Amino acid sequence: MLPSDPDVSARYRDTAARIRAADTDAAAVELRRIAREVRRSIVRMIDRAQMGHIGGDLSVTDILVTCFWGALSLDPRQPAWPERDRFILSKGHCAAALYSTLAHAGFFHSAELDTFMAPMSALNGHPNKIKVPGVETNTGALGHGFPVATGCAIAARLAGQTWRTVVVLGDGEMQEGSNWEAAMTASHYGLASLTAVVDRNRLQQGARTEETKRLEPLADKWRSFGWEVREVDGHDHAALLRALGPSTAGQPVAVIANTIKGKGVSFMEDRVEWHHKVPTREQVDLALAELAA
């Protein structure tokens, strides 16, 4: 497993503590800064690898950054710390966003990002628990991460522990039946420590979600399964901070985070072809310039 970066992890702990102590607006300013850095490294990673899922990586970035710096209790120096909160990226094809987030938090050295998708690299196209610190479970086969997260929340209850579990799903992934089995199970057991975040960018490979298999009314579906539902702008860090707070109703929490695929890069935003398209050299330069603004 890759070693942690002690200097970066120390800065992460200080920054996360400062964000959590700040008022929501000040915290959001810092989270936006971090998200910009994470997005720029995602673009560089996919440029070097000449493969990846850049549209979804960019749509989920603000959610990941808010989870890691603002909502969850984690320690990059001790990725297996027993009392840590659990984070699972069920939409594992967006591994570049997760790896960039983990590196910026010091779970491993940022130089490893240069090896993304390279032969023998620990940073595979889908997250691998054995190879990468901070990855709770292997994901990529859609519909698997949410059931595992439900199991984590059950385990916390059985062990009498208070740590939380947050799982992030793609909206196209909600077409998998295993997710609704997990939703039903979590509600049945009243797993208030479990939060499911849907990256609702409304696009999946090849088409819009509503053209492929209609999800709406998505919030009503979650409510009908017995979940506390919070619908927010998935790029508004202040709103995400509030939405990622603990349950207020003794139920599992579903956060529908309305996002834009390719967020932050004008020519990628809300374009289905950027699900896994690789930018040209000129497009990379333009994307990095826009993300620096």
Protein backbone atom coordinates (compact mmCIF):
# COMPACT_ATOMS: atom_id res chain seq x y z
CA MET A 1 0.00 0.00 0.00
CA LEU A 2 1.22 3.52 -0.79
CA PRO A 3 2.69 5.45 2.17
CA SER A 4 1.09 8.63 3.44
CA ASP A 5 2.64 12.06 2.90
CA PRO A 6 3.27 13.39 6.44
CA ASP A 7 3.69 17.04 5.46
CA VAL A 8 0.53 17.17 3.36
CA SER A 9 -1.49 15.17 5.88
CA ALA A 10 -0.47 17.63 8.63
CA ARG A 11 -1.67 20.54 6.48
CA TYR A 12 -4.86 18.60 5.74
CA ARG A 13 -5.60 18.17 9.45
CA ASP A 14 -4.99 21.86 10.13
CA THR A 15 -7.06 22.98 7.16
CA ALA A 16 -9.92 20.60 7.95
CA ALA A 17 -9.99 21.78 11.57
CA ARG A 18 -10.03 25.41 10.44
CA ILE A 19 -12.86 24.75 7.97
CA ARG A 20 -14.97 22.99 10.58
CA ALA A 21 -14.45 25.80 13.09
CA ALA A 22 -15.28 28.54 10.58
CA ASP A 23 -18.69 29.87 9.70
CA THR A 24 -20.28 28.26 6.66
CA ASP A 25 -19.45 31.05 4.21
CA ALA A 26 -15.78 31.17 5.19
CA ALA A 27 -15.58 27.38 5.04
CA ALA A 28 -17.07 27.42 1.55
CA VAL A 29 -14.37 29.81 0.30
CA GLU A 30 -11.63 27.42 1.46
CA LEU A 31 -13.42 24.39 0.02
CA ARG A 32 -13.75 26.11 -3.36
CA ARG A 33 -10.00 26.73 -3.39
CA ILE A 34 -9.24 23.08 -2.68
CA ALA A 35 -11.76 21.90 -5.27
CA ARG A 36 -10.06 24.05 -7.92
CA GLU A 37 -6.73 22.38 -7.17
CA VAL A 38 -8.29 18.91 -7.25
CA ARG A 39 -9.95 19.61 -10.61
CA ARG A 40 -6.71 20.84 -12.16
CA SER A 41 -4.90 17.68 -11.11
CA ILE A 42 -7.73 15.56 -12.55
CA VAL A 43 -7.26 17.21 -15.95
CA ARG A 44 -3.50 16.60 -15.81
CA MET A 45 -3.98 12.95 -14.78
CA ILE A 46 -6.34 12.18 -17.63
CA ASP A 47 -4.11 14.03 -20.10
CA ARG A 48 -1.12 11.91 -19.07
CA ALA A 49 -3.06 8.63 -19.02
CA GLN A 50 -5.01 9.40 -22.21
CA MET A 51 -8.02 7.72 -20.65
CA GLY A 52 -10.50 8.28 -17.85
CA HIS A 53 -13.98 9.62 -17.06
CA ILE A 54 -13.32 13.33 -16.89
CA GLY A 55 -16.94 14.57 -17.02
CA GLY A 56 -18.04 12.65 -13.94
CA ASP A 57 -14.75 13.35 -12.17
CA LEU A 58 -15.39 17.07 -12.48
CA SER A 59 -19.05 16.81 -11.46
CA VAL A 60 -18.29 14.90 -8.25
CA THR A 61 -15.26 16.93 -7.10
CA ASP A 62 -17.12 19.42 -4.90
CA ILE A 63 -18.90 16.56 -3.13
CA LEU A 64 -15.64 14.73 -2.43
CA VAL A 65 -13.82 17.83 -1.20
CA THR A 66 -16.69 18.78 1.12
CA CYS A 67 -16.83 15.25 2.52
CA PHE A 68 -13.09 14.99 3.18
CA TRP A 69 -12.39 18.50 4.49
CA GLY A 70 -15.74 19.48 5.93
CA ALA A 71 -17.90 16.55 6.98
CA LEU A 72 -15.94 13.39 7.80
CA SER A 73 -13.53 12.44 10.56
CA LEU A 74 -10.47 10.89 8.85
CA ASP A 75 -6.75 10.59 9.47
CA PRO A 76 -4.50 10.15 6.40
CA ARG A 77 -1.69 8.96 8.68
CA GLN A 78 -3.92 6.11 9.87
CA PRO A 79 -6.20 5.13 6.96
CA ALA A 80 -7.39 2.08 8.93
CA TRP A 81 -8.07 4.03 12.15
CA PRO A 82 -10.95 2.06 13.74
CA GLU A 83 -12.96 5.16 14.67
CA ARG A 84 -12.74 6.83 11.27
CA ASP A 85 -15.82 7.69 9.28
CA ARG A 86 -16.23 5.49 6.21
CA PHE A 87 -16.31 6.98 2.72
CA ILE A 88 -17.18 4.89 -0.34
CA LEU A 89 -17.15 6.11 -3.94
CA SER A 90 -19.64 3.72 -5.51
CA LYS A 91 -19.23 5.35 -8.94
CA GLY A 92 -15.74 3.88 -9.07
CA HIS A 93 -15.11 4.83 -12.70
CA CYS A 94 -14.51 8.35 -11.35
CA ALA A 95 -11.38 7.14 -9.58
CA ALA A 96 -9.31 10.11 -10.78
CA ALA A 97 -11.40 12.46 -8.63
CA LEU A 98 -11.00 10.20 -5.60
CA TYR A 99 -7.24 9.76 -6.10
CA SER A 100 -6.72 13.48 -6.51
CA THR A 101 -8.73 14.14 -3.34
CA LEU A 102 -6.79 11.52 -1.38
CA ALA A 103 -3.43 12.89 -2.56
CA HIS A 104 -4.40 16.46 -1.67
CA ALA A 105 -5.27 15.19 1.82
CA GLY A 106 -1.93 13.38 2.16
CA PHE A 107 -3.12 9.78 2.08
CA PHE A 108 -0.27 9.24 -0.38
CA HIS A 109 2.29 11.40 -2.18
CA SER A 110 0.92 13.54 -5.00
CA ALA A 111 3.72 12.35 -7.32
CA GLU A 112 1.83 9.06 -7.55
CA LEU A 113 -0.90 10.86 -9.51
CA ASP A 114 1.52 10.92 -12.46
CA THR A 115 1.17 7.13 -12.65
CA PHE A 116 -2.64 7.10 -12.99
CA MET A 117 -3.67 4.14 -15.21
CA ALA A 118 -0.03 3.30 -16.03
CA PRO A 119 1.04 -0.38 -16.11
CA MET A 120 1.65 -1.70 -12.56
CA SER A 121 0.45 1.54 -10.97
CA ALA A 122 -1.50 1.35 -7.71
CA LEU A 123 -3.86 3.94 -9.19
CA ASN A 124 -6.00 1.71 -11.37
CA GLY A 125 -8.99 2.84 -13.37
CA HIS A 126 -11.16 1.78 -10.43
CA PRO A 127 -10.28 2.15 -6.72
CA ASN A 128 -8.50 -0.77 -5.07
CA LYS A 129 -8.58 -1.13 -1.28
CA ILE A 130 -5.43 -3.24 -1.12
CA LYS A 131 -3.29 -0.78 -3.06
CA VAL A 132 -4.58 2.68 -2.13
CA PRO A 133 -4.92 4.08 1.40
CA GLY A 134 -8.24 5.81 1.98
CA VAL A 135 -10.16 3.42 -0.30
CA GLU A 136 -12.65 1.52 1.86
CA THR A 137 -13.71 -1.04 -0.75
CA ASN A 138 -13.09 -1.85 -4.39
CA THR A 139 -15.75 -0.25 -6.59
CA GLY A 140 -16.47 0.02 -10.27
CA ALA A 141 -19.12 -2.59 -10.84
CA LEU A 142 -22.02 -0.19 -10.41
CA GLY A 143 -24.54 -0.99 -7.73
CA HIS A 144 -22.02 -2.54 -5.33
CA GLY A 145 -20.76 0.39 -3.26
CA PHE A 146 -24.10 1.30 -1.72
CA PRO A 147 -24.83 -2.22 -0.40
CA VAL A 148 -21.32 -2.31 1.11
CA ALA A 149 -21.93 1.07 2.75
CA THR A 150 -25.17 -0.24 4.21
CA GLY A 151 -23.21 -3.15 5.65
CA CYS A 152 -20.71 -0.69 7.16
CA ALA A 153 -23.52 1.19 8.90
CA ILE A 154 -24.95 -2.08 10.25
CA ALA A 155 -21.46 -3.04 11.49
CA ALA A 156 -21.13 0.27 13.34
CA ARG A 157 -24.41 -0.37 15.12
CA LEU A 158 -23.48 -3.93 16.04
CA ALA A 159 -20.15 -2.72 17.41
CA GLY A 160 -21.75 0.13 19.34
CA GLN A 161 -19.71 2.68 17.39
CA THR A 162 -20.72 6.20 16.37
CA TRP A 163 -18.73 6.60 13.16
CA ARG A 164 -20.64 7.58 10.04
CA THR A 165 -20.72 6.11 6.54
CA VAL A 166 -21.07 8.25 3.41
CA VAL A 167 -21.45 6.69 -0.03
CA VAL A 168 -21.46 8.64 -3.32
CA LEU A 169 -23.40 7.19 -6.24
CA GLY A 170 -23.80 8.20 -9.87
CA ASP A 171 -27.35 8.96 -10.96
CA GLY A 172 -27.11 6.48 -13.84
CA GLU A 173 -26.06 3.97 -11.23
CA MET A 174 -29.48 4.37 -9.61
CA GLN A 175 -30.83 2.19 -12.43
CA GLU A 176 -29.22 -0.80 -10.67
CA GLY A 177 -31.70 -2.81 -8.57
CA SER A 178 -29.14 -3.62 -5.87
CA ASN A 179 -29.17 0.04 -4.85
CA TRP A 180 -32.88 -0.04 -4.09
CA GLU A 181 -32.43 -3.23 -2.08
CA ALA A 182 -29.80 -1.40 -0.04
CA ALA A 183 -32.09 1.62 0.36
CA MET A 184 -34.88 -0.60 1.64
CA THR A 185 -32.56 -2.41 4.06
CA ALA A 186 -31.08 0.82 5.45
CA SER A 187 -34.53 2.24 6.08
CA HIS A 188 -35.77 -0.99 7.67
CA TYR A 189 -32.91 -0.91 10.19
CA GLY A 190 -33.13 2.86 10.73
CA LEU A 191 -29.48 3.42 9.84
CA ALA A 192 -29.29 7.10 10.71
CA SER A 193 -25.48 7.01 10.51
CA LEU A 194 -25.67 6.33 6.75
CA THR A 195 -25.71 9.08 4.11
CA ALA A 196 -26.09 8.37 0.39
CA VAL A 197 -25.14 11.19 -1.97
CA VAL A 198 -26.36 11.04 -5.57
CA ASP A 199 -24.16 12.91 -8.06
CA ARG A 200 -27.17 14.05 -10.10
CA ASN A 201 -25.53 15.34 -13.28
CA ARG A 202 -28.31 13.83 -15.44
CA LEU A 203 -25.92 12.28 -17.94
CA GLN A 204 -24.58 8.76 -18.29
CA GLN A 205 -22.61 6.96 -20.95
CA GLY A 206 -24.25 7.72 -24.28
CA ALA A 207 -27.36 9.66 -23.22
CA ARG A 208 -29.27 11.53 -20.55
CA THR A 209 -30.48 9.46 -17.63
CA GLU A 210 -34.11 10.32 -18.30
CA GLU A 211 -33.81 9.05 -21.88
CA THR A 212 -32.14 5.82 -20.77
CA LYS A 213 -34.32 4.92 -17.82
CA ARG A 214 -36.37 7.61 -16.10
CA LEU A 215 -35.38 8.37 -12.49
CA GLU A 216 -37.72 11.23 -11.66
CA PRO A 217 -39.35 11.89 -9.28
CA LEU A 218 -36.12 10.81 -7.62
CA ALA A 219 -36.61 12.61 -4.29
CA ASP A 220 -40.07 11.10 -3.88
CA LYS A 221 -38.67 7.64 -4.55
CA TRP A 222 -36.11 8.03 -1.77
CA ARG A 223 -38.81 9.31 0.59
CA SER A 224 -41.03 6.38 -0.24
CA PHE A 225 -38.19 4.09 0.86
CA GLY A 226 -38.12 5.83 4.26
CA TRP A 227 -35.14 8.17 3.81
CA GLU A 228 -34.65 11.74 4.97
CA VAL A 229 -34.11 13.61 1.68
CA ARG A 230 -32.06 16.76 1.15
CA GLU A 231 -31.81 18.24 -2.35
CA VAL A 232 -29.03 20.77 -2.98
CA ASP A 233 -26.81 22.41 -5.57
CA GLY A 234 -23.92 19.93 -5.67
CA HIS A 235 -21.43 22.71 -6.46
CA ASP A 236 -22.47 24.94 -3.53
CA HIS A 237 -20.05 24.02 -0.75
CA ALA A 238 -22.06 25.78 1.95
CA ALA A 239 -25.20 23.90 0.93
CA LEU A 240 -23.27 20.63 0.80
CA LEU A 241 -21.86 21.20 4.29
CA ARG A 242 -25.37 21.61 5.65
CA ALA A 243 -26.72 18.65 3.68
CA LEU A 244 -23.93 16.36 4.90
CA GLY A 245 -24.81 16.97 8.53
CA PRO A 246 -26.21 14.16 10.70
CA SER A 247 -29.75 12.88 10.38
CA THR A 248 -32.40 14.94 12.14
CA ALA A 249 -35.15 12.33 11.86
CA GLY A 250 -33.49 9.10 12.95
CA GLN A 251 -33.48 7.90 9.33
CA PRO A 252 -30.75 7.36 6.76
CA VAL A 253 -30.10 10.53 4.74
CA ALA A 254 -30.25 10.82 0.95
CA VAL A 255 -28.58 13.90 -0.52
CA ILE A 256 -29.54 14.59 -4.12
CA ALA A 257 -26.68 16.80 -5.27
CA ASN A 258 -27.65 18.51 -8.53
CA THR A 259 -24.43 18.83 -10.49
CA ILE A 260 -23.10 19.58 -13.96
CA LYS A 261 -21.06 16.99 -15.81
CA GLY A 262 -17.69 18.53 -16.71
CA LYS A 263 -18.16 21.31 -14.13
CA GLY A 264 -15.61 24.11 -14.37
CA VAL A 265 -14.62 23.60 -17.99
CA SER A 266 -16.94 25.49 -20.33
CA PHE A 267 -16.70 23.21 -23.36
CA MET A 268 -17.24 20.06 -21.26
CA GLU A 269 -20.18 21.19 -19.17
CA ASP A 270 -23.40 19.19 -19.67
CA ARG A 271 -22.01 17.41 -22.72
CA VAL A 272 -22.58 13.66 -22.88
CA GLU A 273 -19.47 12.98 -24.97
CA TRP A 274 -17.27 14.03 -22.03
CA HIS A 275 -18.34 10.99 -20.05
CA HIS A 276 -15.01 9.45 -21.05
CA LYS A 277 -13.59 11.60 -23.84
CA VAL A 278 -9.90 12.60 -23.58
CA PRO A 279 -9.08 16.28 -24.22
CA THR A 280 -6.55 17.35 -26.82
CA ARG A 281 -3.39 19.23 -25.82
CA GLU A 282 -5.06 22.54 -26.70
CA GLN A 283 -8.19 21.60 -24.72
CA VAL A 284 -6.06 20.67 -21.71
CA ASP A 285 -4.39 24.08 -21.75
CA LEU A 286 -7.77 25.81 -22.04
CA ALA A 287 -9.29 23.69 -19.25
CA LEU A 288 -6.39 24.43 -16.90
CA ALA A 289 -6.66 28.13 -17.65
CA GLU A 290 -10.38 28.15 -16.91
CA LEU A 291 -9.89 26.19 -13.69
CA ALA A 292 -7.23 28.65 -12.51
CA ALA A 293 -9.65 31.57 -12.70
